[in-house]
N, C-alpha and C. Protein backbone atom coordinates (compact mmCIF):
# COMPACT_ATOMS: atom_id res chain seq x y z
N UNK A 1 23.97 -11.99 31.01
CA UNK A 1 23.20 -11.72 29.85
C UNK A 1 22.58 -12.25 28.91
N UNK A 2 22.65 -13.48 28.71
CA UNK A 2 21.54 -14.16 27.93
C UNK A 2 20.11 -14.16 28.38
N UNK A 3 19.81 -13.82 29.89
CA UNK A 3 18.52 -13.63 30.27
C UNK A 3 18.15 -12.36 29.93
N UNK A 4 19.04 -11.29 29.92
CA UNK A 4 18.60 -9.99 29.56
C UNK A 4 17.98 -9.68 28.05
N UNK A 5 19.37 -10.49 27.01
CA UNK A 5 18.88 -10.61 26.06
C UNK A 5 17.16 -11.31 25.53
N UNK A 6 16.88 -12.38 26.40
CA UNK A 6 16.17 -13.11 26.07
C UNK A 6 15.11 -12.02 26.23
N UNK A 7 14.83 -11.67 27.47
CA UNK A 7 13.93 -10.55 28.07
C UNK A 7 13.64 -9.74 26.91
N UNK A 8 14.77 -8.97 26.39
CA UNK A 8 14.73 -8.05 25.48
C UNK A 8 13.80 -8.52 24.39
N UNK A 9 14.03 -9.55 23.73
CA UNK A 9 13.61 -10.02 22.74
C UNK A 9 12.19 -10.17 23.00
N UNK A 10 11.50 -10.64 24.16
CA UNK A 10 10.07 -10.75 24.67
C UNK A 10 9.43 -9.46 24.96
N UNK A 11 10.01 -8.50 25.52
CA UNK A 11 9.46 -7.51 25.85
C UNK A 11 9.83 -6.07 25.15
N UNK A 12 11.02 -6.03 24.52
CA UNK A 12 11.19 -4.77 23.78
C UNK A 12 12.23 -3.92 24.24
N UNK A 13 12.23 -3.98 25.84
CA UNK A 13 12.73 -2.88 26.56
C UNK A 13 13.21 -3.55 27.71
N UNK A 14 14.27 -3.03 28.22
CA UNK A 14 14.46 -3.69 29.57
C UNK A 14 15.20 -2.57 30.23
N UNK A 15 15.09 -2.26 31.76
CA UNK A 15 15.90 -1.60 32.53
C UNK A 15 16.68 -2.53 33.59
N UNK A 16 18.05 -1.96 33.79
CA UNK A 16 18.88 -2.93 34.50
C UNK A 16 19.78 -2.21 35.19
N UNK A 17 20.43 -2.64 36.32
CA UNK A 17 21.22 -2.00 37.35
C UNK A 17 22.40 -3.03 37.61
N UNK A 18 23.49 -2.95 36.74
CA UNK A 18 24.64 -3.76 37.07
C UNK A 18 25.27 -3.65 38.20
N UNK A 19 26.35 -4.39 38.61
CA UNK A 19 26.75 -4.03 39.90
C UNK A 19 27.93 -3.03 39.94
N UNK A 20 28.34 -2.91 38.98
CA UNK A 20 29.42 -1.58 38.70
C UNK A 20 28.91 -0.49 38.30
N UNK A 21 27.66 -0.18 37.93
CA UNK A 21 27.06 1.01 37.29
C UNK A 21 26.56 1.88 38.65
N UNK A 22 26.25 2.96 38.56
CA UNK A 22 25.94 4.00 39.36
C UNK A 22 24.38 4.20 39.28
N UNK A 23 24.29 4.09 38.12
CA UNK A 23 22.48 4.40 37.68
C UNK A 23 22.19 3.30 36.70
N UNK A 24 20.61 3.11 36.63
CA UNK A 24 20.23 2.22 35.87
C UNK A 24 20.27 2.45 34.58
N UNK A 25 20.42 1.72 33.29
CA UNK A 25 20.48 1.69 32.23
C UNK A 25 19.14 1.22 31.52
N UNK A 26 18.53 1.59 30.56
CA UNK A 26 17.64 0.93 29.83
C UNK A 26 18.09 0.60 28.44
N UNK A 27 17.67 -0.53 28.14
CA UNK A 27 18.34 -1.14 26.74
C UNK A 27 16.87 -1.44 26.13
N UNK A 28 17.02 -1.18 24.49
CA UNK A 28 16.09 -1.48 23.98
C UNK A 28 16.70 -2.61 22.76
N UNK A 29 15.62 -3.60 22.31
CA UNK A 29 15.72 -4.20 21.39
C UNK A 29 15.40 -3.79 20.27
N UNK A 30 16.01 -3.46 19.12
CA UNK A 30 15.81 -3.08 17.79
C UNK A 30 15.64 -4.18 16.48
N UNK A 31 14.32 -4.34 15.91
CA UNK A 31 14.56 -5.08 14.94
C UNK A 31 15.48 -4.63 13.83
N UNK A 32 16.27 -5.28 12.92
CA UNK A 32 16.88 -4.31 11.96
C UNK A 32 16.61 -5.35 10.39
N UNK A 33 15.51 -4.48 9.75
CA UNK A 33 14.83 -5.32 8.75
C UNK A 33 15.88 -5.02 7.44
N UNK A 34 16.78 -3.89 7.43
CA UNK A 34 17.36 -3.76 6.47
C UNK A 34 18.79 -4.49 6.13
N UNK A 35 19.28 -5.01 6.94
CA UNK A 35 20.48 -5.86 7.03
C UNK A 35 20.34 -7.15 7.19
N UNK A 36 20.66 -8.32 6.26
CA UNK A 36 20.73 -9.62 6.36
C UNK A 36 21.50 -10.20 7.27
N UNK A 37 22.68 -9.63 7.72
CA UNK A 37 23.73 -10.08 8.60
C UNK A 37 23.09 -9.98 9.93
N UNK A 38 22.70 -8.72 10.38
CA UNK A 38 22.46 -8.60 11.64
C UNK A 38 20.76 -8.81 11.88
N UNK A 39 20.46 -9.70 12.54
CA UNK A 39 18.65 -9.80 12.64
C UNK A 39 18.33 -8.78 13.93
N UNK A 40 19.04 -8.11 14.47
CA UNK A 40 18.60 -7.54 16.01
C UNK A 40 19.88 -6.83 16.24
N UNK A 41 19.54 -5.70 16.99
CA UNK A 41 20.50 -4.82 17.96
C UNK A 41 20.09 -4.69 18.79
N UNK A 42 21.00 -4.64 20.03
CA UNK A 42 21.09 -4.06 21.41
C UNK A 42 21.40 -2.54 21.40
N UNK A 43 20.46 -1.64 21.85
CA UNK A 43 20.79 -0.44 22.01
C UNK A 43 20.72 0.00 23.43
N UNK A 44 22.03 0.48 23.93
CA UNK A 44 21.40 1.13 25.54
C UNK A 44 21.26 2.58 25.27
N UNK A 45 19.95 2.94 25.55
CA UNK A 45 19.43 4.49 25.46
C UNK A 45 19.96 5.42 26.35
N UNK A 46 19.61 5.48 27.64
CA UNK A 46 20.49 6.51 28.15
C UNK A 46 20.06 5.62 29.78
N UNK A 47 20.33 6.63 30.78
CA UNK A 47 20.17 6.56 32.11
C UNK A 47 18.40 6.58 32.27
N UNK A 48 18.06 5.73 33.11
CA UNK A 48 16.87 5.89 33.16
C UNK A 48 16.19 6.91 33.82
N UNK A 49 16.88 7.77 34.96
CA UNK A 49 16.46 8.82 35.25
C UNK A 49 16.25 9.88 34.18
N UNK A 50 17.09 9.71 33.06
CA UNK A 50 16.76 10.94 31.95
C UNK A 50 15.57 10.57 31.42
N UNK A 51 15.51 9.35 30.95
CA UNK A 51 14.00 9.03 30.36
C UNK A 51 12.86 9.40 31.26
N UNK A 52 12.88 9.32 32.69
CA UNK A 52 11.99 9.82 33.41
C UNK A 52 11.81 11.30 33.31
N UNK A 53 12.89 11.85 33.12
CA UNK A 53 13.09 13.21 32.98
C UNK A 53 12.45 13.90 31.84
N UNK A 54 12.86 13.34 30.76
CA UNK A 54 12.39 13.29 29.56
C UNK A 54 10.74 13.33 29.40
N UNK A 55 10.39 12.15 30.05
CA UNK A 55 8.76 11.85 29.97
C UNK A 55 8.04 12.88 31.06
N UNK A 56 8.68 13.25 32.32
CA UNK A 56 8.30 14.32 32.99
C UNK A 56 8.24 15.76 32.52
N UNK A 57 9.14 16.05 31.54
CA UNK A 57 8.78 17.28 30.78
C UNK A 57 7.79 17.47 29.69
N UNK A 58 7.79 15.96 29.17
CA UNK A 58 6.43 16.05 28.20
C UNK A 58 4.92 16.45 28.68
N UNK A 59 5.13 15.67 30.13
CA UNK A 59 4.04 15.60 30.78
C UNK A 59 3.78 17.21 31.26
N UNK A 60 4.79 17.72 31.66
CA UNK A 60 4.62 19.20 32.17
C UNK A 60 3.86 19.98 30.92
N UNK A 61 4.59 19.94 29.69
CA UNK A 61 4.12 20.41 28.60
C UNK A 61 2.75 20.24 28.00
N UNK A 62 2.11 18.91 28.19
CA UNK A 62 0.92 18.44 28.35
C UNK A 62 -0.07 19.42 29.00
N UNK A 63 0.23 19.27 30.18
CA UNK A 63 -0.61 20.10 31.13
C UNK A 63 -0.64 21.55 30.88
N UNK A 64 0.73 22.17 30.66
CA UNK A 64 0.74 23.48 30.18
C UNK A 64 -0.25 23.75 29.19
N UNK A 65 -0.35 22.66 27.99
CA UNK A 65 -0.62 23.16 26.71
C UNK A 65 -2.58 23.16 27.13
N UNK A 66 -2.78 22.20 27.83
CA UNK A 66 -4.25 22.24 28.52
C UNK A 66 -4.43 23.31 29.24
N UNK A 67 -3.78 24.01 30.04
CA UNK A 67 -3.92 24.81 31.08
C UNK A 67 -4.31 26.24 30.14
N UNK A 68 -3.59 26.38 28.75
CA UNK A 68 -3.65 27.37 28.09
C UNK A 68 -4.87 27.32 27.17
N UNK A 69 -5.02 26.17 26.68
CA UNK A 69 -6.37 26.10 26.14
C UNK A 69 -7.75 26.40 26.60
N UNK A 70 -7.77 25.69 28.07
CA UNK A 70 -8.83 26.22 29.15
C UNK A 70 -8.85 27.32 29.27
N UNK A 71 -7.55 28.37 29.62
CA UNK A 71 -7.79 29.59 29.81
C UNK A 71 -8.20 30.38 28.42
N UNK A 72 -7.82 30.11 27.49
CA UNK A 72 -8.38 30.87 26.23
C UNK A 72 -9.63 30.49 25.93
N UNK A 73 -10.38 29.27 26.10
CA UNK A 73 -11.78 29.08 26.05
C UNK A 73 -12.39 29.71 27.22
N UNK A 74 -12.04 29.88 28.29
CA UNK A 74 -12.68 30.62 29.60
C UNK A 74 -12.72 32.30 28.86
N UNK A 75 -11.72 32.83 28.27
CA UNK A 75 -11.77 34.02 28.03
C UNK A 75 -12.83 34.13 26.99
N UNK A 76 -12.68 33.25 25.96
CA UNK A 76 -13.72 33.60 25.02
C UNK A 76 -15.29 33.38 25.69
N UNK A 77 -15.57 32.53 26.53
CA UNK A 77 -16.73 32.35 26.99
C UNK A 77 -17.23 33.67 27.73
N UNK A 78 -16.22 34.07 28.63
CA UNK A 78 -16.36 35.38 29.24
C UNK A 78 -16.92 36.76 28.14
N UNK A 79 -16.19 36.66 27.12
CA UNK A 79 -16.25 38.00 26.22
C UNK A 79 -17.60 37.30 25.32
N UNK A 80 -18.18 36.38 25.33
CA UNK A 80 -19.34 36.14 24.70
C UNK A 80 -20.78 36.45 25.44
N UNK A 81 -20.27 36.15 26.76
CA UNK A 81 -21.42 36.18 27.74
C UNK A 81 -21.68 37.52 28.49
N UNK A 82 -20.52 38.27 28.26
CA UNK A 82 -20.72 39.63 28.80
C UNK A 82 -21.84 40.56 28.39
N UNK A 83 -22.23 40.42 27.01
CA UNK A 83 -23.04 41.56 26.66
C UNK A 83 -24.53 41.19 27.11
N UNK A 84 -24.63 39.80 27.23
CA UNK A 84 -25.62 39.28 27.86
C UNK A 84 -26.13 39.74 29.26
N UNK A 85 -24.99 39.57 29.98
CA UNK A 85 -25.08 39.87 31.55
C UNK A 85 -25.46 41.22 31.48
N UNK A 86 -24.85 42.07 30.71
CA UNK A 86 -25.15 43.84 30.59
C UNK A 86 -26.81 43.94 30.46
N UNK A 87 -26.92 43.24 29.33
CA UNK A 87 -28.40 43.45 28.61
C UNK A 87 -29.51 43.07 29.65
N UNK A 88 -29.17 41.98 30.23
CA UNK A 88 -30.07 41.32 31.52
C UNK A 88 -30.07 42.55 32.51
N UNK A 89 -29.06 42.74 33.10
CA UNK A 89 -28.92 43.62 34.31
C UNK A 89 -29.70 44.71 33.84
N UNK A 90 -29.78 45.46 32.70
CA UNK A 90 -30.33 46.39 32.58
C UNK A 90 -31.93 46.44 32.39
N UNK A 91 -32.70 45.20 31.97
CA UNK A 91 -33.85 45.02 31.60
C UNK A 91 -34.01 44.75 33.33
N UNK A 92 -33.36 44.01 34.31
CA UNK A 92 -33.84 43.90 35.09
C UNK A 92 -34.03 45.06 36.12
N UNK A 93 -33.37 46.15 35.78
CA UNK A 93 -33.47 47.43 36.42
C UNK A 93 -34.71 47.90 36.19
N UNK A 94 -34.85 48.08 34.73
CA UNK A 94 -36.22 48.33 34.43
C UNK A 94 -37.50 47.72 35.12
N UNK A 95 -37.43 46.64 35.32
CA UNK A 95 -38.54 45.48 35.52
C UNK A 95 -38.75 46.05 37.36
N UNK A 96 -37.57 46.13 38.05
CA UNK A 96 -37.64 46.53 39.32
C UNK A 96 -38.22 47.92 39.59
N UNK A 97 -38.21 48.97 38.40
CA UNK A 97 -38.61 50.23 38.85
C UNK A 97 -39.91 50.15 38.36
N UNK A 98 -40.53 49.39 37.56
CA UNK A 98 -41.81 49.12 37.19
C UNK A 98 -42.70 48.30 38.48
N UNK A 99 -42.06 47.53 39.17
CA UNK A 99 -42.37 47.00 40.28
C UNK A 99 -43.01 47.76 41.32
N UNK A 100 -42.08 48.93 41.33
CA UNK A 100 -42.20 50.14 42.57
C UNK A 100 -43.28 50.89 41.85
N UNK A 101 -43.84 50.92 40.77
CA UNK A 101 -45.16 51.84 40.14
C UNK A 101 -44.40 52.92 39.15
N UNK A 102 -42.93 52.87 39.24
CA UNK A 102 -42.64 54.30 38.29
C UNK A 102 -42.77 53.68 36.92
N UNK A 103 -43.48 54.57 36.19
CA UNK A 103 -43.54 54.26 34.84
C UNK A 103 -42.81 55.21 33.98
N UNK A 104 -41.73 56.03 34.38
CA UNK A 104 -41.02 56.97 33.75
C UNK A 104 -39.55 56.08 33.79
N UNK A 105 -39.80 54.81 33.09
CA UNK A 105 -38.67 54.16 32.50
C UNK A 105 -38.29 54.60 31.11
N UNK A 106 -37.35 54.41 30.73
CA UNK A 106 -36.81 54.56 29.41
C UNK A 106 -36.37 53.17 29.04
N UNK A 107 -36.34 52.52 27.84
CA UNK A 107 -35.79 51.40 27.15
C UNK A 107 -34.95 51.51 26.34
N UNK A 108 -33.64 51.65 26.48
CA UNK A 108 -32.93 52.04 25.39
C UNK A 108 -32.58 51.52 23.93
N UNK A 109 -32.57 52.22 23.22
CA UNK A 109 -32.68 51.98 21.59
C UNK A 109 -31.84 50.54 21.37
N UNK A 110 -30.65 50.64 21.77
CA UNK A 110 -29.64 49.75 21.76
C UNK A 110 -30.18 48.22 22.01
N UNK A 111 -30.96 48.11 23.21
CA UNK A 111 -31.38 47.06 23.92
C UNK A 111 -32.75 46.64 23.06
N UNK A 112 -33.44 47.83 22.31
CA UNK A 112 -34.64 47.22 21.78
C UNK A 112 -34.26 46.94 20.34
N UNK A 113 -33.09 47.32 20.01
CA UNK A 113 -32.55 46.93 18.52
C UNK A 113 -31.96 45.41 18.40
N UNK A 114 -32.03 44.97 19.79
CA UNK A 114 -31.46 43.37 19.74
C UNK A 114 -32.26 42.53 18.69
N UNK A 115 -31.56 41.52 18.13
CA UNK A 115 -32.36 40.53 17.41
C UNK A 115 -32.82 39.21 18.15
N UNK A 116 -32.35 39.35 19.55
CA UNK A 116 -32.51 38.07 20.19
C UNK A 116 -33.78 38.19 21.02
N UNK A 117 -33.81 37.28 21.95
CA UNK A 117 -34.94 37.30 23.18
C UNK A 117 -34.56 38.46 24.09
N UNK A 118 -33.54 39.10 24.39
CA UNK A 118 -33.51 40.31 25.22
C UNK A 118 -34.19 41.47 24.55
N UNK A 119 -34.06 41.55 23.28
CA UNK A 119 -34.50 42.58 22.49
C UNK A 119 -35.99 42.65 22.45
N UNK A 120 -36.28 41.08 22.37
CA UNK A 120 -37.99 40.93 22.35
C UNK A 120 -38.10 41.52 23.87
N UNK A 121 -37.65 41.13 24.80
CA UNK A 121 -38.17 41.42 26.25
C UNK A 121 -38.26 42.86 26.33
N UNK A 122 -37.41 43.66 25.65
CA UNK A 122 -37.37 44.86 25.94
C UNK A 122 -38.41 45.49 25.10
N UNK A 123 -38.84 44.99 23.89
CA UNK A 123 -40.02 45.47 23.29
C UNK A 123 -41.02 45.36 23.85
N UNK A 124 -41.23 44.31 24.66
CA UNK A 124 -42.42 43.97 25.33
C UNK A 124 -42.63 44.79 26.81
N UNK A 125 -41.56 45.04 27.23
CA UNK A 125 -41.68 46.02 28.25
C UNK A 125 -42.10 47.53 28.14
N UNK A 126 -41.58 47.89 26.74
CA UNK A 126 -41.60 49.19 26.50
C UNK A 126 -43.19 49.25 26.16
N UNK A 127 -43.95 47.84 25.36
CA UNK A 127 -45.38 47.84 25.45
C UNK A 127 -46.23 47.93 26.58
N UNK A 128 -45.86 47.14 27.44
CA UNK A 128 -46.33 47.39 28.98
C UNK A 128 -46.30 48.64 29.55
N UNK A 129 -45.39 49.31 29.38
CA UNK A 129 -45.12 50.67 29.88
C UNK A 129 -46.10 51.70 29.14
N UNK A 130 -46.24 51.54 28.05
CA UNK A 130 -47.05 52.07 26.97
C UNK A 130 -48.40 52.19 27.61
N UNK A 131 -48.82 50.75 27.52
CA UNK A 131 -50.22 50.52 28.25
C UNK A 131 -50.74 50.92 29.59
N UNK A 132 -49.61 50.57 30.36
CA UNK A 132 -49.86 51.21 31.69
C UNK A 132 -50.16 52.84 31.71
N UNK A 133 -49.19 53.46 31.13
CA UNK A 133 -49.63 54.95 30.99
C UNK A 133 -50.89 55.48 30.34
N UNK A 134 -51.37 54.54 29.16
CA UNK A 134 -52.69 54.83 28.57
C UNK A 134 -54.05 54.57 29.81
N UNK A 135 -53.64 53.53 30.46
CA UNK A 135 -54.52 53.05 31.80
C UNK A 135 -54.83 54.05 32.93
N UNK A 136 -53.56 54.50 33.12
CA UNK A 136 -53.14 55.60 34.20
C UNK A 136 -53.85 56.71 33.89
N UNK A 137 -53.63 57.36 32.42
CA UNK A 137 -54.40 58.51 32.13
C UNK A 137 -55.83 58.15 32.40
N UNK A 138 -56.54 57.24 31.87
CA UNK A 138 -57.68 56.88 31.98
C UNK A 138 -58.32 57.13 33.24
N UNK A 139 -57.76 56.28 34.31
CA UNK A 139 -57.91 56.36 35.59
C UNK A 139 -57.86 57.75 36.18
N UNK A 140 -56.88 58.33 36.07
CA UNK A 140 -56.65 59.99 36.33
C UNK A 140 -57.96 60.91 35.96
N UNK A 141 -58.35 60.65 34.61
CA UNK A 141 -59.46 61.25 34.10
C UNK A 141 -60.73 61.21 34.67
N UNK A 142 -60.86 59.61 34.76
CA UNK A 142 -62.07 59.24 35.72
C UNK A 142 -62.32 59.99 37.09
N UNK A 143 -60.91 59.77 37.69
CA UNK A 143 -61.13 60.40 38.88
C UNK A 143 -61.32 61.89 38.93
N UNK A 144 -61.00 62.60 37.85
CA UNK A 144 -60.91 64.20 38.17
C UNK A 144 -62.83 64.28 37.52
N UNK A 145 -63.48 63.32 37.50
CA UNK A 145 -65.18 63.64 37.28
C UNK A 145 -65.22 63.62 35.40
N UNK A 146 -64.16 63.47 34.70
CA UNK A 146 -64.34 63.31 33.06
C UNK A 146 -64.93 61.83 32.84
N UNK A 147 -66.20 61.55 33.07
CA UNK A 147 -66.74 60.11 32.89
C UNK A 147 -67.04 59.69 31.04
N UNK A 148 -66.72 61.08 30.34
CA UNK A 148 -66.87 60.85 28.97
C UNK A 148 -65.57 60.02 28.10
N UNK A 149 -64.52 60.06 29.03
CA UNK A 149 -63.07 59.82 28.47
C UNK A 149 -63.50 58.41 28.17
N UNK A 150 -62.53 58.02 26.90
CA UNK A 150 -62.97 56.79 26.54
C UNK A 150 -61.66 56.07 26.54
N UNK A 151 -61.79 54.59 26.64
CA UNK A 151 -60.51 53.99 26.88
C UNK A 151 -60.86 52.97 25.70
N UNK A 152 -59.33 52.57 25.52
CA UNK A 152 -59.44 50.99 24.46
C UNK A 152 -58.59 50.20 25.02
N UNK A 153 -59.48 48.80 25.26
CA UNK A 153 -59.03 47.79 26.06
C UNK A 153 -57.59 47.55 25.22
N UNK A 154 -56.57 47.11 26.02
CA UNK A 154 -54.99 46.66 25.65
C UNK A 154 -55.26 45.11 24.73
N UNK A 155 -56.49 44.38 25.25
CA UNK A 155 -56.60 43.04 24.78
C UNK A 155 -57.62 42.58 25.56
N UNK A 156 -58.44 41.57 25.13
CA UNK A 156 -59.62 41.11 25.82
C UNK A 156 -59.17 40.31 27.15
N UNK A 157 -58.05 40.54 27.62
CA UNK A 157 -57.71 39.93 28.74
C UNK A 157 -57.18 41.37 29.85
N UNK A 158 -57.33 42.37 29.12
CA UNK A 158 -57.19 43.62 29.95
C UNK A 158 -58.08 43.54 31.15
N UNK A 159 -57.77 42.97 32.18
CA UNK A 159 -58.68 43.07 33.48
C UNK A 159 -58.75 44.24 34.05
N UNK A 160 -57.59 44.92 34.35
CA UNK A 160 -57.44 46.53 35.04
C UNK A 160 -58.24 47.31 34.07
N UNK A 161 -58.07 47.32 32.69
CA UNK A 161 -58.77 48.27 32.10
C UNK A 161 -60.40 48.09 32.11
N UNK A 162 -60.80 46.56 31.98
CA UNK A 162 -62.43 46.51 32.23
C UNK A 162 -62.78 47.04 33.48
N UNK A 163 -61.96 46.83 34.41
CA UNK A 163 -62.33 47.15 36.01
C UNK A 163 -62.47 48.59 35.82
N UNK A 164 -61.58 49.10 35.33
CA UNK A 164 -61.61 50.88 35.42
C UNK A 164 -63.03 51.43 34.85
N UNK A 165 -63.25 50.43 33.53
CA UNK A 165 -64.47 50.93 32.70
C UNK A 165 -65.75 51.00 33.68
N UNK A 166 -65.71 49.55 34.16
CA UNK A 166 -66.68 49.52 35.03
C UNK A 166 -66.75 50.58 36.22
N UNK A 167 -65.95 50.91 36.92
CA UNK A 167 -65.75 51.85 37.95
C UNK A 167 -66.12 53.20 37.35
N UNK A 168 -65.59 53.40 36.16
CA UNK A 168 -66.09 54.89 35.49
C UNK A 168 -67.83 54.64 35.02
N UNK A 169 -68.36 53.62 34.76
CA UNK A 169 -69.60 53.65 34.78
C UNK A 169 -70.55 53.71 35.95
N UNK A 170 -69.89 53.12 36.89
CA UNK A 170 -70.47 53.30 38.10
C UNK A 170 -70.65 54.65 39.03
N UNK A 171 -69.48 55.13 38.52
CA UNK A 171 -69.33 56.32 39.19
C UNK A 171 -70.24 57.60 38.27
N UNK A 172 -70.44 57.35 36.93
CA UNK A 172 -70.95 57.77 36.04
C UNK A 172 -72.63 57.99 36.28
N UNK A 173 -72.89 56.63 36.92
CA UNK A 173 -74.38 56.53 37.10
C UNK A 173 -74.62 57.15 38.43
N UNK A 174 -73.85 57.04 39.34
CA UNK A 174 -74.01 57.75 40.80
C UNK A 174 -74.07 59.12 40.82
N UNK A 175 -73.22 59.63 39.98
CA UNK A 175 -73.67 61.18 39.91
C UNK A 175 -74.75 61.46 39.27
N UNK A 176 -75.25 60.89 37.83
CA UNK A 176 -76.54 61.14 37.46
C UNK A 176 -77.90 61.26 38.64
N UNK A 177 -77.85 59.71 39.38
CA UNK A 177 -78.60 59.98 40.50
C UNK A 177 -78.66 60.56 41.61
N UNK A 178 -77.37 61.36 41.67
CA UNK A 178 -77.18 62.34 42.92
C UNK A 178 -77.97 63.68 42.36
N UNK A 179 -77.44 63.71 41.10
CA UNK A 179 -78.02 65.21 40.22
C UNK A 179 -79.48 65.25 40.09
N UNK A 180 -79.98 63.95 39.99
CA UNK A 180 -81.75 63.90 39.77
C UNK A 180 -82.19 63.87 41.16
N UNK A 181 -81.40 63.46 42.51
CA UNK A 181 -82.22 63.72 43.69
C UNK A 181 -82.19 65.22 44.00
N UNK A 182 -81.41 65.78 43.43
CA UNK A 182 -81.49 67.30 43.97
C UNK A 182 -82.89 68.06 43.77
C-alpha cells in the first residue's frame, strides 16, 4: 500500500483493483488543513464504474442542454425570418407579373408601410407601375392618332418616353406631309 500512498500524494487520485475486489476502486488523497494531528486522509470514493456512470450522465445532460439551446435558437431565427420570406415572395410575384407585361398589379399597403428595404422596394415597384401606366397611355393616344397629347418624362434617363415622343413627332410630321400632298 505504500506505493499507492506515494502515488496518491503525487497524483491526488488513484484507481486500483485489488485481488479480492470484484470492481476497481478510486481513492482520493485529501489534504486536511483544519486538523493538526492528521496531515492527510485517504478517501475511497466509490466504484470506478459508478464514477464513469455519473460522468456519462453529466455529459448526456450537457448534450441535451446544447441541443435544447440550438432548438430554441433555430426557432427564434425561423420566427424572425418568416416575415421577410413572405414579403420577398409577394414582391417576387409582382415582379414576375410585370415581366409578363401585366401592369394591373397591386402592391399591398402592408408591404408599402414597411420601414425596411422591402418597404422601399414595394414603393419603387409602385412608382415603376405608375410610370409604365403613364407611358402606356401616351403610346395608346399616339397610336390612336392624337399627336397633341403631352407626355412628361419620368426622368432625364427615360429612354422609352423619349423614344415615344420622337415617334409621336415623326408620325405627326408624316400626317402633315400626307395632308399637304393631297
